[in-house]
Amino acid sequence: VQLQASGGGLVQPGGSLRLSCAASGFNLDDFAVGWFRQSPGKERGWVSCHSSADGSTYYADSVKGRFTISRDIAAATVYLQMNNVRPEDTAIYYCSRVHIVEVPGSPLRVRPFGSWGQGTLVTVSS
């Protein structure tokens, strides 16, 4: 099983970027996949995830309305479209299979499992 993130680069504030996560060794139909990011000095946190069960998508508050997750089953790829990026979006972005736990009245829990693949660096700067 492998998930390889790509598409990072340097982008100006307010600009756009699309990240790709190429999946191999498993069927995207069978597992939820999420995007995570890690900035220097901070813990890795989830950004967005895509359910395999019903196609539901979820976003962290910090990116809601700006980022869009999607998947192409035939291409075995999950995408993260990043619009109106901000300097605080600067981070290394990773993708992973995840377990999504929804409990009414509690924050959404997104738990990655399996090994992390190589991330892709996104730098937002003018």
N, C-alpha and C. Protein backbone atom coordinates (compact mmCIF):
# COMPACT_ATOMS: atom_id res chain seq x y z
N VAL A 1 0.85 -1.19 0.00
CA VAL A 1 0.00 0.00 0.00
C VAL A 1 0.88 1.24 0.00
N GLN A 2 0.59 2.15 -0.90
CA GLN A 2 1.34 3.40 -0.97
C GLN A 2 0.43 4.56 -1.30
N LEU A 3 0.71 5.71 -0.68
CA LEU A 3 0.05 6.95 -1.05
C LEU A 3 1.14 8.00 -1.25
N GLN A 4 1.19 8.56 -2.42
CA GLN A 4 2.25 9.50 -2.76
C GLN A 4 1.66 10.86 -3.08
N ALA A 5 2.02 11.84 -2.27
CA ALA A 5 1.53 13.21 -2.49
C ALA A 5 2.45 13.96 -3.44
N SER A 6 1.86 14.80 -4.26
CA SER A 6 2.64 15.62 -5.20
C SER A 6 1.86 16.89 -5.54
N GLY A 7 2.52 17.81 -6.22
CA GLY A 7 1.85 19.01 -6.69
C GLY A 7 2.16 20.27 -5.90
N GLY A 8 2.97 20.13 -4.86
CA GLY A 8 3.30 21.30 -4.07
C GLY A 8 4.20 22.27 -4.81
N GLY A 9 4.39 23.44 -4.21
CA GLY A 9 5.24 24.44 -4.81
C GLY A 9 5.08 25.77 -4.14
N LEU A 10 5.60 26.80 -4.78
CA LEU A 10 5.51 28.16 -4.28
C LEU A 10 4.31 28.85 -4.93
N VAL A 11 3.47 29.45 -4.11
CA VAL A 11 2.28 30.13 -4.62
C VAL A 11 2.09 31.42 -3.84
N GLN A 12 1.61 32.43 -4.50
CA GLN A 12 1.38 33.71 -3.84
C GLN A 12 0.09 33.69 -3.04
N PRO A 13 0.02 34.48 -2.00
CA PRO A 13 -1.24 34.59 -1.24
C PRO A 13 -2.39 34.93 -2.18
N GLY A 14 -3.50 34.24 -1.96
CA GLY A 14 -4.66 34.44 -2.83
C GLY A 14 -4.67 33.55 -4.05
N GLY A 15 -3.58 32.85 -4.29
CA GLY A 15 -3.47 31.99 -5.45
C GLY A 15 -4.06 30.62 -5.22
N SER A 16 -3.86 29.74 -6.21
CA SER A 16 -4.42 28.39 -6.15
C SER A 16 -3.36 27.35 -6.46
N LEU A 17 -3.62 26.14 -5.97
CA LEU A 17 -2.72 25.02 -6.20
C LEU A 17 -3.55 23.75 -6.08
N ARG A 18 -3.22 22.73 -6.87
CA ARG A 18 -3.91 21.45 -6.72
C ARG A 18 -2.90 20.36 -6.38
N LEU A 19 -3.15 19.71 -5.26
CA LEU A 19 -2.31 18.59 -4.84
C LEU A 19 -2.95 17.28 -5.28
N SER A 20 -2.08 16.31 -5.55
CA SER A 20 -2.54 14.97 -5.93
C SER A 20 -2.01 13.94 -4.97
N CYS A 21 -2.80 12.92 -4.71
CA CYS A 21 -2.39 11.80 -3.87
C CYS A 21 -2.64 10.52 -4.67
N ALA A 22 -1.58 9.93 -5.16
CA ALA A 22 -1.69 8.72 -5.97
C ALA A 22 -1.70 7.50 -5.05
N ALA A 23 -2.74 6.70 -5.14
CA ALA A 23 -2.90 5.53 -4.29
C ALA A 23 -2.57 4.25 -5.06
N SER A 24 -1.88 3.34 -4.41
CA SER A 24 -1.60 2.05 -5.03
C SER A 24 -1.64 0.97 -3.95
N GLY A 25 -1.99 -0.23 -4.38
CA GLY A 25 -2.03 -1.35 -3.44
C GLY A 25 -3.35 -1.52 -2.73
N PHE A 26 -4.29 -0.64 -2.98
CA PHE A 26 -5.62 -0.81 -2.39
C PHE A 26 -6.63 -0.07 -3.26
N ASN A 27 -7.91 -0.34 -3.02
CA ASN A 27 -8.98 0.25 -3.80
C ASN A 27 -9.53 1.48 -3.08
N LEU A 28 -9.55 2.61 -3.78
CA LEU A 28 -10.07 3.84 -3.17
C LEU A 28 -11.53 3.70 -2.77
N ASP A 29 -12.23 2.79 -3.39
CA ASP A 29 -13.63 2.57 -3.03
C ASP A 29 -13.78 1.99 -1.64
N ASP A 30 -12.72 1.38 -1.13
CA ASP A 30 -12.81 0.64 0.13
C ASP A 30 -12.33 1.41 1.34
N PHE A 31 -11.62 2.53 1.12
CA PHE A 31 -11.05 3.25 2.26
C PHE A 31 -11.25 4.75 2.12
N ALA A 32 -11.47 5.39 3.25
CA ALA A 32 -11.46 6.85 3.28
C ALA A 32 -10.02 7.34 3.22
N VAL A 33 -9.82 8.48 2.58
CA VAL A 33 -8.49 9.06 2.47
C VAL A 33 -8.54 10.51 2.93
N GLY A 34 -7.52 10.91 3.64
CA GLY A 34 -7.47 12.27 4.13
C GLY A 34 -6.17 12.97 3.81
N TRP A 35 -6.24 14.30 3.83
CA TRP A 35 -5.05 15.14 3.69
C TRP A 35 -4.69 15.71 5.05
N PHE A 36 -3.41 15.74 5.33
CA PHE A 36 -2.88 16.29 6.56
C PHE A 36 -1.78 17.28 6.22
N ARG A 37 -1.43 18.13 7.16
CA ARG A 37 -0.30 19.03 6.93
C ARG A 37 0.46 19.26 8.22
N GLN A 38 1.73 19.59 8.03
CA GLN A 38 2.59 19.85 9.18
C GLN A 38 3.47 21.05 8.87
N SER A 39 3.36 22.06 9.73
CA SER A 39 4.19 23.26 9.62
C SER A 39 5.35 23.13 10.60
N PRO A 40 6.43 23.86 10.38
CA PRO A 40 7.57 23.79 11.30
C PRO A 40 7.15 24.10 12.73
N GLY A 41 7.53 23.23 13.64
CA GLY A 41 7.24 23.44 15.05
C GLY A 41 5.83 23.09 15.47
N LYS A 42 5.05 22.56 14.55
CA LYS A 42 3.67 22.21 14.88
C LYS A 42 3.43 20.73 14.63
N GLU A 43 2.41 20.21 15.27
CA GLU A 43 2.04 18.82 15.06
C GLU A 43 1.29 18.67 13.73
N ARG A 44 1.38 17.46 13.18
CA ARG A 44 0.64 17.17 11.97
C ARG A 44 -0.85 17.14 12.29
N GLY A 45 -1.65 17.80 11.48
CA GLY A 45 -3.08 17.84 11.70
C GLY A 45 -3.84 17.59 10.41
N TRP A 46 -5.08 17.14 10.55
CA TRP A 46 -5.84 16.84 9.35
C TRP A 46 -6.42 18.10 8.75
N VAL A 47 -6.55 18.07 7.45
CA VAL A 47 -7.04 19.20 6.68
C VAL A 47 -8.40 18.89 6.06
N SER A 48 -8.47 17.71 5.45
CA SER A 48 -9.70 17.33 4.75
C SER A 48 -9.70 15.82 4.56
N CYS A 49 -10.90 15.24 4.44
CA CYS A 49 -10.96 13.81 4.17
C CYS A 49 -12.21 13.49 3.36
N HIS A 50 -12.11 12.35 2.69
CA HIS A 50 -13.17 11.92 1.77
C HIS A 50 -13.62 10.52 2.19
N SER A 51 -14.87 10.40 2.55
CA SER A 51 -15.39 9.10 2.96
C SER A 51 -15.51 8.16 1.76
N SER A 52 -15.29 6.87 2.01
CA SER A 52 -15.48 5.89 0.94
C SER A 52 -16.91 5.37 0.95
N ALA A 53 -17.57 5.45 2.11
CA ALA A 53 -18.89 4.85 2.26
C ALA A 53 -19.95 5.59 1.44
N ASP A 54 -20.03 6.91 1.62
CA ASP A 54 -21.09 7.66 0.96
C ASP A 54 -20.58 8.88 0.22
N GLY A 55 -19.27 9.01 0.12
CA GLY A 55 -18.70 10.13 -0.61
C GLY A 55 -18.71 11.44 0.15
N SER A 56 -19.03 11.40 1.44
CA SER A 56 -19.04 12.64 2.23
C SER A 56 -17.63 13.21 2.31
N THR A 57 -17.58 14.53 2.37
CA THR A 57 -16.29 15.22 2.52
C THR A 57 -16.31 16.07 3.78
N TYR A 58 -15.14 16.23 4.36
CA TYR A 58 -15.01 16.95 5.63
C TYR A 58 -13.82 17.88 5.53
N TYR A 59 -13.92 19.01 6.25
CA TYR A 59 -12.85 20.00 6.20
C TYR A 59 -12.59 20.57 7.59
N ALA A 60 -11.33 20.83 7.86
CA ALA A 60 -10.98 21.57 9.06
C ALA A 60 -11.50 23.00 8.91
N ASP A 61 -11.85 23.62 10.02
CA ASP A 61 -12.40 24.98 9.97
C ASP A 61 -11.47 25.95 9.26
N SER A 62 -10.17 25.74 9.40
CA SER A 62 -9.20 26.68 8.85
C SER A 62 -9.18 26.69 7.32
N VAL A 63 -9.72 25.65 6.68
CA VAL A 63 -9.69 25.60 5.22
C VAL A 63 -11.07 25.53 4.59
N LYS A 64 -12.08 25.47 5.42
CA LYS A 64 -13.45 25.35 4.91
C LYS A 64 -13.79 26.54 4.01
N GLY A 65 -14.35 26.24 2.87
CA GLY A 65 -14.71 27.29 1.92
C GLY A 65 -13.59 27.66 0.96
N ARG A 66 -12.38 27.18 1.23
CA ARG A 66 -11.23 27.50 0.36
C ARG A 66 -10.65 26.24 -0.31
N PHE A 67 -10.67 25.12 0.38
CA PHE A 67 -10.10 23.88 -0.15
C PHE A 67 -11.24 22.93 -0.52
N THR A 68 -10.99 22.12 -1.54
CA THR A 68 -11.95 21.12 -1.97
C THR A 68 -11.25 19.79 -2.21
N ILE A 69 -11.75 18.75 -1.58
CA ILE A 69 -11.19 17.41 -1.79
C ILE A 69 -12.06 16.66 -2.78
N SER A 70 -11.43 15.88 -3.63
CA SER A 70 -12.17 15.07 -4.59
C SER A 70 -11.35 13.82 -4.89
N ARG A 71 -11.99 12.86 -5.54
CA ARG A 71 -11.24 11.65 -5.87
C ARG A 71 -11.66 11.16 -7.25
N ASP A 72 -10.72 10.53 -7.92
CA ASP A 72 -10.95 9.90 -9.21
C ASP A 72 -10.62 8.43 -9.04
N ILE A 73 -11.68 7.61 -8.94
CA ILE A 73 -11.48 6.19 -8.67
C ILE A 73 -10.66 5.54 -9.80
N ALA A 74 -10.99 5.87 -11.04
CA ALA A 74 -10.31 5.25 -12.17
C ALA A 74 -8.83 5.57 -12.17
N ALA A 75 -8.51 6.79 -11.76
CA ALA A 75 -7.11 7.21 -11.73
C ALA A 75 -6.44 6.87 -10.40
N ALA A 76 -7.22 6.32 -9.46
CA ALA A 76 -6.69 5.98 -8.12
C ALA A 76 -5.99 7.18 -7.50
N THR A 77 -6.63 8.33 -7.58
CA THR A 77 -6.02 9.56 -7.09
C THR A 77 -7.04 10.39 -6.31
N VAL A 78 -6.55 10.98 -5.24
CA VAL A 78 -7.33 11.92 -4.45
C VAL A 78 -6.69 13.29 -4.61
N TYR A 79 -7.51 14.31 -4.82
CA TYR A 79 -7.00 15.65 -5.07
C TYR A 79 -7.38 16.58 -3.93
N LEU A 80 -6.58 17.62 -3.77
CA LEU A 80 -6.91 18.70 -2.86
C LEU A 80 -6.72 20.00 -3.63
N GLN A 81 -7.83 20.61 -3.99
CA GLN A 81 -7.79 21.90 -4.66
C GLN A 81 -7.73 22.99 -3.60
N MET A 82 -6.67 23.78 -3.66
CA MET A 82 -6.45 24.82 -2.67
C MET A 82 -6.63 26.17 -3.35
N ASN A 83 -7.63 26.91 -2.92
CA ASN A 83 -7.90 28.25 -3.47
C ASN A 83 -7.73 29.30 -2.40
N ASN A 84 -7.47 30.52 -2.83
CA ASN A 84 -7.33 31.63 -1.90
C ASN A 84 -6.37 31.27 -0.75
N VAL A 85 -5.21 30.77 -1.11
CA VAL A 85 -4.28 30.30 -0.09
C VAL A 85 -3.74 31.47 0.72
N ARG A 86 -3.32 31.12 1.93
CA ARG A 86 -2.81 32.12 2.88
C ARG A 86 -1.41 31.69 3.33
N PRO A 87 -0.63 32.62 3.85
CA PRO A 87 0.71 32.23 4.35
C PRO A 87 0.64 31.12 5.39
N GLU A 88 -0.40 31.09 6.19
CA GLU A 88 -0.52 30.05 7.21
C GLU A 88 -0.83 28.67 6.64
N ASP A 89 -1.08 28.58 5.35
CA ASP A 89 -1.25 27.28 4.70
C ASP A 89 0.09 26.64 4.35
N THR A 90 1.16 27.39 4.55
CA THR A 90 2.50 26.85 4.29
C THR A 90 2.77 25.65 5.17
N ALA A 91 3.08 24.52 4.55
CA ALA A 91 3.30 23.28 5.30
C ALA A 91 3.70 22.18 4.33
N ILE A 92 4.12 21.07 4.91
CA ILE A 92 4.26 19.84 4.12
C ILE A 92 2.93 19.11 4.19
N TYR A 93 2.40 18.75 3.05
CA TYR A 93 1.10 18.10 2.97
C TYR A 93 1.29 16.61 2.70
N TYR A 94 0.55 15.81 3.44
CA TYR A 94 0.59 14.36 3.33
C TYR A 94 -0.82 13.81 3.12
N CYS A 95 -0.89 12.62 2.56
CA CYS A 95 -2.18 11.94 2.48
C CYS A 95 -2.05 10.57 3.12
N SER A 96 -3.18 10.08 3.58
CA SER A 96 -3.18 8.81 4.29
C SER A 96 -4.58 8.21 4.26
N ARG A 97 -4.64 6.91 4.38
CA ARG A 97 -5.93 6.28 4.65
C ARG A 97 -6.34 6.68 6.07
N VAL A 98 -7.64 6.81 6.27
CA VAL A 98 -8.10 7.28 7.57
C VAL A 98 -9.35 6.54 8.01
N HIS A 99 -9.55 6.57 9.32
CA HIS A 99 -10.83 6.20 9.91
C HIS A 99 -11.52 7.49 10.31
N ILE A 100 -12.77 7.65 9.92
CA ILE A 100 -13.53 8.84 10.27
C ILE A 100 -14.56 8.45 11.32
N VAL A 101 -14.53 9.14 12.44
CA VAL A 101 -15.43 8.81 13.54
C VAL A 101 -16.31 10.02 13.81
N GLU A 102 -17.59 9.83 13.58
CA GLU A 102 -18.57 10.90 13.83
C GLU A 102 -19.43 10.51 15.02
N VAL A 103 -19.41 11.35 16.04
CA VAL A 103 -20.26 11.14 17.21
C VAL A 103 -21.06 12.41 17.42
N PRO A 104 -22.38 12.35 17.37
CA PRO A 104 -23.20 13.56 17.55
C PRO A 104 -22.81 14.31 18.81
N GLY A 105 -22.59 15.60 18.65
CA GLY A 105 -22.25 16.42 19.79
C GLY A 105 -20.77 16.48 20.11
N SER A 106 -19.96 15.71 19.35
CA SER A 106 -18.51 15.70 19.58
C SER A 106 -17.78 16.09 18.31
N PRO A 107 -16.56 16.64 18.47
CA PRO A 107 -15.79 16.98 17.27
C PRO A 107 -15.50 15.76 16.41
N LEU A 108 -15.44 15.96 15.11
CA LEU A 108 -15.09 14.89 14.20
C LEU A 108 -13.68 14.38 14.50
N ARG A 109 -13.52 13.06 14.48
CA ARG A 109 -12.18 12.49 14.68
C ARG A 109 -11.74 11.81 13.39
N VAL A 110 -10.55 12.19 12.96
CA VAL A 110 -9.98 11.63 11.74
C VAL A 110 -8.65 10.97 12.12
N ARG A 111 -8.60 9.68 12.02
CA ARG A 111 -7.43 8.92 12.48
C ARG A 111 -6.71 8.27 11.31
N PRO A 112 -5.49 8.70 11.05
CA PRO A 112 -4.73 8.08 9.96
C PRO A 112 -4.22 6.70 10.37
N PHE A 113 -4.06 5.82 9.42
CA PHE A 113 -3.43 4.54 9.71
C PHE A 113 -2.59 4.12 8.53
N GLY A 114 -1.64 3.24 8.83
CA GLY A 114 -0.68 2.84 7.81
C GLY A 114 0.50 3.79 7.81
N SER A 115 1.46 3.53 6.96
CA SER A 115 2.67 4.36 6.93
C SER A 115 2.42 5.63 6.13
N TRP A 116 3.14 6.67 6.51
CA TRP A 116 3.06 7.93 5.79
C TRP A 116 3.94 7.86 4.55
N GLY A 117 3.43 8.33 3.47
CA GLY A 117 4.26 8.46 2.28
C GLY A 117 5.00 9.78 2.32
N GLN A 118 5.75 10.03 1.27
CA GLN A 118 6.47 11.29 1.16
C GLN A 118 5.48 12.43 0.96
N GLY A 119 5.65 13.50 1.69
CA GLY A 119 4.77 14.63 1.56
C GLY A 119 5.19 15.56 0.45
N THR A 120 4.42 16.63 0.27
CA THR A 120 4.74 17.63 -0.74
C THR A 120 4.67 19.00 -0.08
N LEU A 121 5.69 19.82 -0.33
CA LEU A 121 5.81 21.10 0.34
C LEU A 121 5.03 22.18 -0.39
N VAL A 122 4.20 22.88 0.36
CA VAL A 122 3.47 24.04 -0.16
C VAL A 122 3.98 25.27 0.57
N THR A 123 4.43 26.25 -0.18
CA THR A 123 4.91 27.50 0.40
C THR A 123 4.08 28.64 -0.16
N VAL A 124 3.43 29.36 0.74
CA VAL A 124 2.61 30.50 0.34
C VAL A 124 3.35 31.77 0.74
N SER A 125 3.81 32.49 -0.26
CA SER A 125 4.62 33.67 0.02
C SER A 125 4.61 34.59 -1.20
N SER A 126 4.71 35.87 -0.92
CA SER A 126 4.82 36.84 -2.01
C SER A 126 6.28 37.16 -2.30
